[in-house]
């Protein structure tokens, strides 16, 4: 048996389609229901479905009146505010191509993205870093746009370009990923195969509006389903989230693993309405998963995906317990394979996780990079660059990025396995592991950890020896102030050796 999954066909996307119209269809059915609540301990800002739709379609009219035309590109330099998703959906509604960006980027970093995408204009909140090299449209006009007559949806081929996002890989070189309108249709597979999302749910995402994980899982998907989305207001600390989860009767909570870790430091996790949590962005450590379940009585379900195809492997609610390194199963409607050099690998053999080119959620390609796009394919399979392995139970184990895999004495070692073992140490708050060259053709595993004080190397060696095979154990430990991460909060293992000592 080979590592090939064909879970059946997802219903085809309608041929006359608009992403924004699909997301906002619930406004016809439940116009007065709360679509969005921006919450903080002192109160909440609430948007009904009808108010949200009016603001989006009014903004679409405003964008067109500002001179933007069908097919123009609009780079978004907007912080953690409602204006971000409103502008994003408004642009798509009328055929303008939005380009979301992280508010954490510096001016030089933003200029790189501008040079790559050549936007017609930048929508700027006046606060995020933004070079003065492109025409600027300010968000302070948007309040007036909300009252404008609603624009008409630009319907068309679901395969046409809808938006552009940037990769968040470990290479340090961003790529502009082009997605079609059909990408939102494909997310229906996630609602069944990961979220268990219903119209009655109240889903809170702990991330900022302008993070693509928040934008999809925290906003667009609940709105597509007719559920209520809740986002913590800017300035809300992780320690305050348990209060908000309880006060606003959240039923599904989504966050990155680091947020769960910080929340678990809270003294009280009384969450009677919570059904389960969702985790993505990086592998969820078993220690966090188990502690969350013991503290709340609810499970955390994680998913695997990427900027080029969102999430397509996951463990859905109600699924049996899986080993910590397992991702779950391909969602219904997906075609997924674990590829070796000549095709699908045998069961229990590692290979590259790949998704079929016909997946409706797969990108159109990298902007102006046809050769780079073609290089990501092996026949009909898009190569994710991540290492996986199918078990005899047909779930998929995750072994990390292909370019993160370490070589120690001829053995290939996943940094995730070593990091998970070290995170069990009571004094280690965070840890990143990579291999470093100490002399020609000789590499060792090094662990860079965050702790309140330096930890004794001998005791760390003893601790690791109790949990890891000899060839997996770090030979070097170094305390650092913080782990290096990119704008999307992903760990940059390859720059760990560059971190200065404390």
Protein backbone atom coordinates (compact mmCIF):
# COMPACT_ATOMS: atom_id res chain seq x y z
CA UNK A 1 0.00 0.00 0.00
CA UNK A 2 1.31 3.45 -0.92
CA UNK A 3 0.91 6.84 0.75
CA UNK A 4 -1.81 8.13 -1.55
CA UNK A 5 -5.16 9.55 -0.43
CA UNK A 6 -8.17 10.27 -2.63
CA UNK A 7 -11.00 11.25 -0.31
CA UNK A 8 -13.57 11.96 -3.02
CA UNK A 9 -14.61 15.05 -4.91
CA UNK A 10 -15.74 18.27 -3.26
CA UNK A 11 -18.71 19.87 -5.07
CA UNK A 12 -17.42 22.14 -7.85
CA UNK A 13 -17.33 25.88 -7.32
CA UNK A 14 -20.13 27.75 -9.14
CA UNK A 15 -18.94 29.07 -12.49
CA UNK A 16 -20.26 32.59 -11.87
CA UNK A 17 -18.66 33.40 -8.55
CA UNK A 18 -17.38 36.16 -6.27
CA UNK A 19 -15.49 35.48 -3.05
CA UNK A 20 -17.00 38.39 -1.13
CA UNK A 21 -20.55 37.56 -2.20
CA UNK A 22 -20.01 34.00 -0.98
CA UNK A 23 -18.69 35.17 2.41
CA UNK A 24 -21.53 37.65 2.95
CA UNK A 25 -24.43 35.47 1.77
CA UNK A 26 -25.55 34.93 5.37
CA UNK A 27 -26.53 38.63 5.56
CA UNK A 28 -29.62 37.74 3.53
CA UNK A 29 -30.57 35.00 5.99
CA UNK A 30 -29.61 36.53 9.37
CA UNK A 31 -29.17 40.29 8.80
CA UNK A 32 -29.54 41.24 12.47
CA UNK A 33 -27.29 38.53 13.89
CA UNK A 34 -23.91 39.63 15.28
CA UNK A 35 -21.29 38.78 12.69
CA UNK A 36 -18.32 40.34 14.48
CA UNK A 37 -17.51 41.42 18.00
CA UNK A 38 -14.20 43.12 18.81
CA UNK A 39 -13.88 42.38 22.50
CA UNK A 40 -11.92 43.61 25.49
CA UNK A 41 -12.47 43.37 29.26
CA UNK A 42 -14.32 46.71 29.34
CA UNK A 43 -16.75 46.03 26.51
CA UNK A 44 -17.20 45.09 22.87
CA UNK A 45 -17.72 46.67 19.46
CA UNK A 46 -20.41 44.70 17.61
CA UNK A 47 -21.25 44.46 13.93
CA UNK A 48 -24.39 42.81 12.61
CA UNK A 49 -24.31 40.97 9.30
CA UNK A 50 -26.27 43.76 7.63
CA UNK A 51 -24.03 46.48 9.03
CA UNK A 52 -20.95 44.53 7.95
CA UNK A 53 -22.24 44.03 4.42
CA UNK A 54 -23.22 47.69 4.10
CA UNK A 55 -19.77 48.81 5.25
CA UNK A 56 -17.99 46.45 2.85
CA UNK A 57 -20.06 47.30 -0.21
CA UNK A 58 -19.99 51.02 0.63
CA UNK A 59 -16.21 50.81 0.92
CA UNK A 60 -16.12 49.06 -2.44
CA UNK A 61 -17.94 52.06 -3.91
CA UNK A 62 -15.47 54.37 -2.18
CA UNK A 63 -12.49 52.51 -3.60
CA UNK A 64 -13.89 52.81 -7.10
CA UNK A 65 -14.66 56.50 -6.59
CA UNK A 66 -11.05 57.02 -5.47
CA UNK A 67 -9.97 55.99 -8.95
CA UNK A 68 -9.16 52.31 -8.54
CA UNK A 69 -10.22 50.13 -11.45
CA UNK A 70 -10.98 46.49 -12.02
CA UNK A 71 -7.70 44.52 -11.85
CA UNK A 72 -5.77 47.19 -9.93
CA UNK A 73 -3.72 46.01 -6.94
CA UNK A 74 -4.19 47.54 -3.49
CA UNK A 75 -1.51 46.90 -0.86
CA UNK A 76 -2.99 46.96 2.67
CA UNK A 77 -0.92 48.68 5.34
CA UNK A 78 -3.56 48.52 8.06
CA UNK A 79 -3.09 47.44 11.66
CA UNK A 80 -5.25 45.37 13.96
CA UNK A 81 -8.57 47.03 13.20
CA UNK A 82 -11.91 46.29 11.53
CA UNK A 83 -10.87 48.40 8.54
CA UNK A 84 -8.56 45.58 7.47
CA UNK A 85 -11.14 42.85 6.67
CA UNK A 86 -13.65 45.45 5.45
CA UNK A 87 -11.19 46.82 2.90
CA UNK A 88 -10.00 43.35 1.94
CA UNK A 89 -13.50 42.08 1.11
CA UNK A 90 -14.53 45.41 -0.44
CA UNK A 91 -11.69 45.25 -2.92
CA UNK A 92 -12.45 41.67 -3.93
CA UNK A 93 -16.15 42.49 -4.29
CA UNK A 94 -15.44 44.80 -7.24
CA UNK A 95 -12.46 43.06 -8.84
CA UNK A 96 -9.66 45.04 -7.16
CA UNK A 97 -6.86 42.75 -5.94
CA UNK A 98 -5.99 43.29 -2.24
CA UNK A 99 -2.52 42.46 -0.96
CA UNK A 100 -2.59 41.93 2.82
CA UNK A 101 0.66 42.57 4.71
CA UNK A 102 1.77 42.23 8.30
CA UNK A 103 1.68 45.45 10.31
CA UNK A 104 5.02 44.45 11.88
CA UNK A 105 7.00 44.98 8.68
CA UNK A 106 9.50 47.82 8.44
CA UNK A 107 9.61 50.34 5.60
CA UNK A 108 12.44 48.54 3.78
CA UNK A 109 10.54 45.25 4.05
CA UNK A 110 7.37 46.85 2.71
CA UNK A 111 9.31 48.38 -0.16
CA UNK A 112 10.47 44.89 -1.17
CA UNK A 113 6.83 43.80 -1.37
CA UNK A 114 5.88 46.90 -3.33
CA UNK A 115 8.67 46.21 -5.81
CA UNK A 116 7.44 42.62 -6.18
CA UNK A 117 3.75 43.38 -6.70
CA UNK A 118 3.65 46.88 -8.25
CA UNK A 119 0.43 48.00 -6.53
CA UNK A 120 -1.65 50.84 -7.94
CA UNK A 121 -2.10 52.26 -4.44
CA UNK A 122 -1.55 51.56 -0.75
CA UNK A 123 -4.38 51.70 1.78
CA UNK A 124 -2.66 53.13 4.86
CA UNK A 125 -3.85 53.68 8.41
CA UNK A 126 -1.24 56.38 9.04
CA UNK A 127 0.47 54.30 11.72
CA UNK A 128 2.04 51.22 10.17
CA UNK A 129 5.40 51.59 8.44
CA UNK A 130 4.89 52.60 4.81
CA UNK A 131 7.36 54.06 2.29
CA UNK A 132 6.17 57.08 0.30
CA UNK A 133 6.77 55.46 -3.09
CA UNK A 134 3.19 54.64 -4.12
CA UNK A 135 -0.06 56.60 -4.08
CA UNK A 136 -1.63 56.40 -0.61
CA UNK A 137 -5.33 56.12 0.25
CA UNK A 138 -6.01 56.73 3.94
CA UNK A 139 -8.32 54.57 6.01
CA UNK A 140 -9.75 57.62 7.78
CA UNK A 141 -11.96 58.06 4.70
CA UNK A 142 -13.60 54.70 5.22
CA UNK A 143 -16.09 55.82 7.86
CA UNK A 144 -17.67 58.05 5.23
CA UNK A 145 -17.57 55.28 2.61
CA UNK A 146 -19.67 52.97 4.79
CA UNK A 147 -22.75 55.08 4.02
CA UNK A 148 -22.22 55.15 0.25
CA UNK A 149 -24.57 53.22 -2.05
CA UNK A 150 -23.55 49.55 -2.19
CA UNK A 151 -21.40 48.45 -5.08
CA UNK A 152 -22.46 45.54 -7.25
CA UNK A 153 -20.51 42.31 -7.00
CA UNK A 154 -18.10 41.55 -9.81
CA UNK A 155 -19.02 37.95 -10.69
CA UNK A 156 -16.98 35.79 -13.03
CA UNK A 157 -14.75 32.76 -13.47
CA UNK A 158 -13.88 31.27 -10.05
CA UNK A 159 -10.33 30.66 -11.33
CA UNK A 160 -9.55 34.36 -11.80
CA UNK A 161 -7.21 36.19 -9.44
CA UNK A 162 -8.83 37.40 -6.20
CA UNK A 163 -5.99 38.34 -3.82
CA UNK A 164 -2.25 38.07 -3.23
CA UNK A 165 -0.56 37.04 0.00
CA UNK A 166 3.06 36.43 0.91
CA UNK A 167 4.73 33.20 1.91
CA UNK A 168 5.97 32.84 5.44
CA UNK A 169 8.59 30.17 4.83
CA UNK A 170 11.92 29.80 6.55
CA UNK A 171 14.04 30.88 3.58
CA UNK A 172 13.71 34.58 4.42
CA UNK A 173 12.77 35.38 0.83
CA UNK A 174 9.07 36.29 0.47
CA UNK A 175 7.06 35.12 -2.51
CA UNK A 176 3.83 36.67 -3.72
CA UNK A 177 1.21 33.91 -3.76
CA UNK A 178 -1.72 34.46 -6.13
CA UNK A 179 -5.06 32.97 -5.08
CA UNK A 180 -8.28 32.60 -7.02
CA UNK A 181 -11.83 33.37 -5.93
CA UNK A 182 -12.38 29.61 -5.60
CA UNK A 183 -10.04 29.50 -2.59
CA UNK A 184 -12.92 30.45 -0.30
CA UNK A 185 -15.03 27.63 -1.73
CA UNK A 186 -12.31 25.13 -0.85
CA UNK A 187 -12.39 26.25 2.77
CA UNK A 188 -15.69 24.43 3.13
CA UNK A 189 -13.60 21.26 3.40
CA UNK A 190 -11.89 22.73 6.45
CA UNK A 191 -15.20 23.51 8.15
CA UNK A 192 -16.12 19.84 8.00
CA UNK A 193 -12.69 18.29 8.40
CA UNK A 194 -11.18 20.55 11.06
CA UNK A 195 -13.52 23.08 12.66
CA UNK A 196 -16.79 21.25 13.08
CA UNK A 197 -18.19 24.76 12.57
CA UNK A 198 -21.93 25.45 12.72
CA UNK A 199 -24.07 28.57 12.37
CA UNK A 200 -24.65 28.60 16.13
CA UNK A 201 -20.94 28.74 17.01
CA UNK A 202 -19.13 31.71 18.50
CA UNK A 203 -15.53 31.43 17.27
CA UNK A 204 -12.75 33.52 18.78
CA UNK A 205 -9.36 33.84 17.12
CA UNK A 206 -6.57 35.26 19.25
CA UNK A 207 -4.58 36.72 16.35
CA UNK A 208 -4.62 40.17 14.80
CA UNK A 209 -6.98 41.03 11.95
CA UNK A 210 -4.13 41.31 9.47
CA UNK A 211 -2.75 37.80 9.99
CA UNK A 212 -3.95 35.46 7.23
CA UNK A 213 -4.68 32.72 9.80
CA UNK A 214 -7.01 35.13 11.59
CA UNK A 215 -8.48 36.46 8.36
CA UNK A 216 -9.48 32.98 7.17
CA UNK A 217 -10.19 30.91 10.27
CA UNK A 218 -11.24 33.80 12.51
CA UNK A 219 -13.37 35.88 10.13
CA UNK A 220 -14.14 34.65 6.62
CA UNK A 221 -15.07 31.11 7.61
CA UNK A 222 -17.43 32.02 10.48
CA UNK A 223 -19.10 34.62 8.22
CA UNK A 224 -19.45 32.10 5.41
CA UNK A 225 -21.19 29.77 7.84
CA UNK A 226 -23.37 32.47 9.42
CA UNK A 227 -21.63 32.10 12.80
CA UNK A 228 -20.29 34.86 15.09
CA UNK A 229 -16.61 35.86 14.94
CA UNK A 230 -14.92 37.36 17.98
CA UNK A 231 -11.50 39.04 17.90
CA UNK A 232 -9.66 40.47 20.94
CA UNK A 233 -9.17 44.22 20.59
CA UNK A 234 -5.73 45.68 20.08
CA UNK A 235 -3.89 45.77 23.40
CA UNK A 236 -5.64 42.77 24.95
CA UNK A 237 -3.05 40.54 26.62
CA UNK A 238 -3.04 36.76 26.46
CA UNK A 239 -3.68 36.60 30.20
CA UNK A 240 -7.02 38.38 29.63
CA UNK A 241 -8.26 35.96 26.98
CA UNK A 242 -9.72 33.36 29.42
CA UNK A 243 -11.99 36.07 30.84
CA UNK A 244 -13.15 37.01 27.33
CA UNK A 245 -13.69 33.37 26.36
CA UNK A 246 -15.99 32.86 29.33
CA UNK A 247 -17.75 36.23 29.24
CA UNK A 248 -18.59 35.99 25.54
CA UNK A 249 -19.55 32.30 25.68
CA UNK A 250 -17.02 31.26 23.05
CA UNK A 251 -17.62 27.76 21.68
CA UNK A 252 -14.52 27.40 19.46
CA UNK A 253 -11.14 29.02 20.14
CA UNK A 254 -8.39 29.32 17.53
CA UNK A 255 -4.79 30.35 18.14
CA UNK A 256 -1.16 29.51 17.48
CA UNK A 257 0.58 27.15 19.93
CA UNK A 258 2.42 29.99 21.67
CA UNK A 259 -0.87 31.64 22.62
CA UNK A 260 -2.10 28.44 24.23
CA UNK A 261 1.16 28.26 26.16
CA UNK A 262 0.71 31.78 27.52
CA UNK A 263 -2.96 31.29 28.38
CA UNK A 264 -2.13 28.17 30.37
CA UNK A 265 -0.20 30.39 32.79
CA UNK A 266 -3.58 31.77 33.91
CA UNK A 267 -4.91 30.67 37.28
CA UNK A 268 -8.46 30.20 36.01
CA UNK A 269 -9.64 28.37 32.89
CA UNK A 270 -13.34 27.97 33.60
CA UNK A 271 -14.77 27.79 30.06
CA UNK A 272 -18.18 26.09 30.28
CA UNK A 273 -19.28 26.91 26.72
CA UNK A 274 -16.06 25.96 24.94
CA UNK A 275 -16.40 22.86 22.72
CA UNK A 276 -12.82 22.67 21.47
CA UNK A 277 -9.78 24.60 20.33
CA UNK A 278 -8.02 24.88 16.96
CA UNK A 279 -4.28 25.21 16.41
CA UNK A 280 -2.23 25.94 13.30
CA UNK A 281 0.85 27.88 12.22
CA UNK A 282 3.35 25.44 13.68
CA UNK A 283 3.29 21.99 15.30
CA UNK A 284 1.44 21.90 18.61
CA UNK A 285 3.67 20.46 21.36
CA UNK A 286 2.13 17.51 23.19
CA UNK A 287 2.78 19.19 26.54
CA UNK A 288 0.56 22.15 25.59
CA UNK A 289 -2.13 19.93 24.08
CA UNK A 290 -2.30 17.70 27.16
CA UNK A 291 -2.18 20.53 29.70
CA UNK A 292 -4.96 22.40 27.87
CA UNK A 293 -7.18 19.34 27.90
CA UNK A 294 -6.51 18.70 31.59
CA UNK A 295 -7.19 22.36 32.46
CA UNK A 296 -10.32 22.93 30.35
CA UNK A 297 -11.74 19.50 29.65
CA UNK A 298 -11.64 20.27 25.93
CA UNK A 299 -9.36 19.10 23.15
CA UNK A 300 -7.27 21.12 20.72
CA UNK A 301 -7.43 19.99 17.09
CA UNK A 302 -4.63 21.01 14.80
CA UNK A 303 -4.24 21.29 11.06
CA UNK A 304 -1.46 21.42 8.50
CA UNK A 305 -1.41 23.85 5.61
CA UNK A 306 0.56 26.61 3.99
CA UNK A 307 0.16 29.96 2.29
CA UNK A 308 -0.12 28.23 -1.07
CA UNK A 309 -3.05 25.98 -0.05
CA UNK A 310 -4.27 26.94 3.41
CA UNK A 311 -4.96 23.83 5.56
CA UNK A 312 -5.78 20.46 4.01
CA UNK A 313 -4.71 17.88 6.62
CA UNK A 314 -6.35 17.98 10.04
CA UNK A 315 -7.83 16.10 12.97
CA UNK A 316 -11.57 16.86 13.15
CA UNK A 317 -13.65 17.09 16.32
CA UNK A 318 -14.59 13.66 17.60
CA UNK A 319 -11.55 11.96 16.06
CA UNK A 320 -9.58 9.48 18.18
CA UNK A 321 -6.52 10.57 20.11
CA UNK A 322 -3.42 10.70 17.95
CA UNK A 323 0.29 10.59 18.77
CA UNK A 324 1.84 14.04 19.27
CA UNK A 325 3.63 13.99 15.93
CA UNK A 326 0.46 13.19 13.96
CA UNK A 327 -1.32 15.82 11.85
CA UNK A 328 -4.49 13.81 11.27
CA UNK A 329 -5.96 12.96 7.89
CA UNK A 330 -6.56 14.65 4.53
CA UNK A 331 -9.92 16.41 4.60
CA UNK A 332 -12.89 15.08 2.65
CA UNK A 333 -12.49 16.14 -0.97
CA UNK A 334 -8.68 16.33 -0.89
CA UNK A 335 -6.12 14.36 -2.89
CA UNK A 336 -2.89 14.12 -0.90
CA UNK A 337 0.25 12.00 -1.23
CA UNK A 338 3.54 11.41 0.55
CA UNK A 339 6.02 11.39 -2.32
CA UNK A 340 9.36 9.67 -2.65
CA UNK A 341 11.74 10.17 -5.54
CA UNK A 342 9.67 8.10 -7.98
CA UNK A 343 6.11 8.55 -6.72
CA UNK A 344 3.97 7.84 -3.65
CA UNK A 345 6.09 6.39 -0.85
CA UNK A 346 5.25 3.13 0.92
CA UNK A 347 3.43 3.27 4.23
CA UNK A 348 5.80 3.97 7.15
CA UNK A 349 8.30 5.62 4.81
CA UNK A 350 8.94 9.39 4.98
CA UNK A 351 8.51 11.62 1.97
CA UNK A 352 7.37 15.07 0.87
CA UNK A 353 3.77 15.98 1.68
CA UNK A 354 2.05 16.89 -1.60
CA UNK A 355 -1.40 18.04 -2.67
CA UNK A 356 -2.90 17.46 -6.11
CA UNK A 357 -2.84 20.32 -8.60
CA UNK A 358 -6.65 20.10 -8.98
CA UNK A 359 -7.28 21.08 -5.33
CA UNK A 360 -9.59 24.14 -5.45
CA UNK A 361 -7.66 25.76 -2.61
CA UNK A 362 -4.29 25.57 -4.33
CA UNK A 363 -2.72 28.82 -5.49
CA UNK A 364 -2.70 30.01 -9.08
CA UNK A 365 1.06 30.44 -8.80
CA UNK A 366 3.77 32.82 -7.62
CA UNK A 367 3.41 36.29 -9.10
CA UNK A 368 5.71 36.76 -12.11
CA UNK A 369 7.66 33.61 -11.17
CA UNK A 370 6.60 30.85 -13.58
CA UNK A 371 9.83 28.90 -13.20
CA UNK A 372 9.66 28.97 -9.41
CA UNK A 373 6.02 27.89 -9.61
CA UNK A 374 6.82 24.99 -11.95
CA UNK A 375 9.65 23.87 -9.67
CA UNK A 376 7.15 23.21 -6.89
CA UNK A 377 5.47 20.43 -8.88
CA UNK A 378 6.31 16.78 -9.35
CA UNK A 379 3.98 15.77 -12.14
CA UNK A 380 0.45 16.53 -10.92
CA UNK A 381 1.56 17.03 -7.33
CA UNK A 382 2.38 20.31 -5.60
CA UNK A 383 5.29 19.77 -3.21
CA UNK A 384 4.86 21.44 0.16
CA UNK A 385 8.49 21.09 1.23
CA UNK A 386 7.40 19.36 4.46
CA UNK A 387 8.27 15.81 5.44
CA UNK A 388 5.48 13.41 6.38
CA UNK A 389 4.87 9.72 6.84
CA UNK A 390 1.68 7.67 6.59
CA UNK A 391 1.10 5.15 9.37
CA UNK A 392 -0.72 1.84 9.19
CA UNK A 393 -3.70 3.68 10.76
CA UNK A 394 -3.66 6.02 7.71
CA UNK A 395 -2.94 9.18 9.66
CA UNK A 396 0.02 11.37 8.67
CA UNK A 397 3.00 11.95 10.94
CA UNK A 398 4.84 15.25 10.61
CA UNK A 399 8.64 15.36 10.59
CA UNK A 400 9.19 19.05 9.91
CA UNK A 401 10.28 21.15 6.97
CA UNK A 402 12.59 19.46 4.51
CA UNK A 403 15.01 22.37 4.89
CA UNK A 404 14.75 22.21 8.70
CA UNK A 405 15.65 18.53 8.93
CA UNK A 406 18.96 18.07 10.73
CA UNK A 407 21.85 15.78 9.95
CA UNK A 408 23.58 14.36 13.01
CA UNK A 409 26.21 11.71 12.39
CA UNK A 410 24.49 10.59 9.22
CA UNK A 411 21.03 10.43 10.81
CA UNK A 412 18.24 12.74 9.70
CA UNK A 413 16.55 14.21 12.77
CA UNK A 414 13.42 16.33 13.01
CA UNK A 415 13.94 19.47 15.15
CA UNK A 416 10.31 19.19 16.24
CA UNK A 417 10.99 15.92 18.02
CA UNK A 418 13.94 17.35 19.94
CA UNK A 419 12.08 20.58 20.75
CA UNK A 420 9.08 18.65 22.07
CA UNK A 421 11.32 16.67 24.41
CA UNK A 422 13.12 19.74 25.75
CA UNK A 423 9.91 21.70 26.28
CA UNK A 424 9.04 19.22 29.01
CA UNK A 425 11.85 20.74 31.11
CA UNK A 426 10.22 22.84 33.84
CA UNK A 427 12.57 25.82 33.36
CA UNK A 428 12.53 26.00 29.56
CA UNK A 429 9.87 28.42 28.30
CA UNK A 430 10.61 28.16 24.57
CA UNK A 431 13.21 26.33 22.55
CA UNK A 432 14.44 26.18 18.96
CA UNK A 433 16.74 23.48 17.64
CA UNK A 434 18.93 23.32 14.55
CA UNK A 435 22.16 21.69 13.44
CA UNK A 436 25.35 23.72 13.14
CA UNK A 437 28.69 23.03 11.50
CA UNK A 438 31.60 22.93 13.97
CA UNK A 439 34.17 21.84 11.42
CA UNK A 440 34.14 20.71 7.83
CA UNK A 441 31.62 17.89 7.30
CA UNK A 442 30.84 17.75 11.02
CA UNK A 443 27.54 19.01 12.32
CA UNK A 444 26.03 18.86 15.77
CA UNK A 445 22.57 19.59 17.12
CA UNK A 446 22.30 22.87 19.04
CA UNK A 447 19.41 23.95 21.26
CA UNK A 448 18.63 27.64 21.83
CA UNK A 449 16.30 28.12 24.77
CA UNK A 450 14.42 30.91 26.55
CA UNK A 451 14.53 30.74 30.35
CA UNK A 452 14.71 33.03 33.34
CA UNK A 453 18.33 32.02 34.02
CA UNK A 454 21.16 29.96 32.55
CA UNK A 455 20.57 26.23 32.95
CA UNK A 456 23.33 23.80 33.82
CA UNK A 457 24.51 22.03 30.67
CA UNK A 458 25.15 18.74 32.46
CA UNK A 459 21.64 18.63 33.88
CA UNK A 460 20.24 19.44 30.43
CA UNK A 461 22.28 16.60 28.94
CA UNK A 462 20.90 14.24 31.55
CA UNK A 463 17.37 15.47 30.91
CA UNK A 464 17.71 14.97 27.15
CA UNK A 465 19.33 11.56 27.55
CA UNK A 466 16.22 10.39 29.39
CA UNK A 467 13.99 11.32 26.46
CA UNK A 468 15.99 11.11 23.25
CA UNK A 469 18.24 8.64 21.47
CA UNK A 470 21.90 9.56 21.64
CA UNK A 471 22.06 10.82 18.06
CA UNK A 472 19.07 13.12 18.69
CA UNK A 473 20.51 14.81 21.76
CA UNK A 474 21.87 18.38 21.48
CA UNK A 475 25.59 18.82 21.97
CA UNK A 476 25.26 22.56 22.59
CA UNK A 477 22.82 24.57 24.72
CA UNK A 478 22.58 28.34 24.63
CA UNK A 479 20.17 30.67 26.39
CA UNK A 480 18.83 33.52 24.24
CA UNK A 481 16.46 36.40 24.96
CA UNK A 482 13.80 35.31 22.47
CA UNK A 483 13.33 32.99 19.53
CA UNK A 484 13.71 34.58 16.09
CA UNK A 485 10.39 34.59 14.24
CA UNK A 486 9.13 36.07 11.00
CA UNK A 487 6.20 38.46 10.59
CA UNK A 488 3.76 35.53 10.80
CA UNK A 489 5.26 34.27 14.06
CA UNK A 490 6.95 31.22 12.57
CA UNK A 491 10.22 30.09 14.08
CA UNK A 492 13.29 30.80 11.94
CA UNK A 493 15.50 27.89 12.95
CA UNK A 494 18.25 28.63 10.47
CA UNK A 495 19.05 32.01 12.03
CA UNK A 496 19.24 30.64 15.59
CA UNK A 497 23.06 30.48 15.50
CA UNK A 498 23.12 34.24 14.79
CA UNK A 499 21.41 35.09 18.09
CA UNK A 500 23.70 36.85 20.56
CA UNK A 501 24.17 35.43 24.01
CA UNK A 502 22.67 37.13 27.04
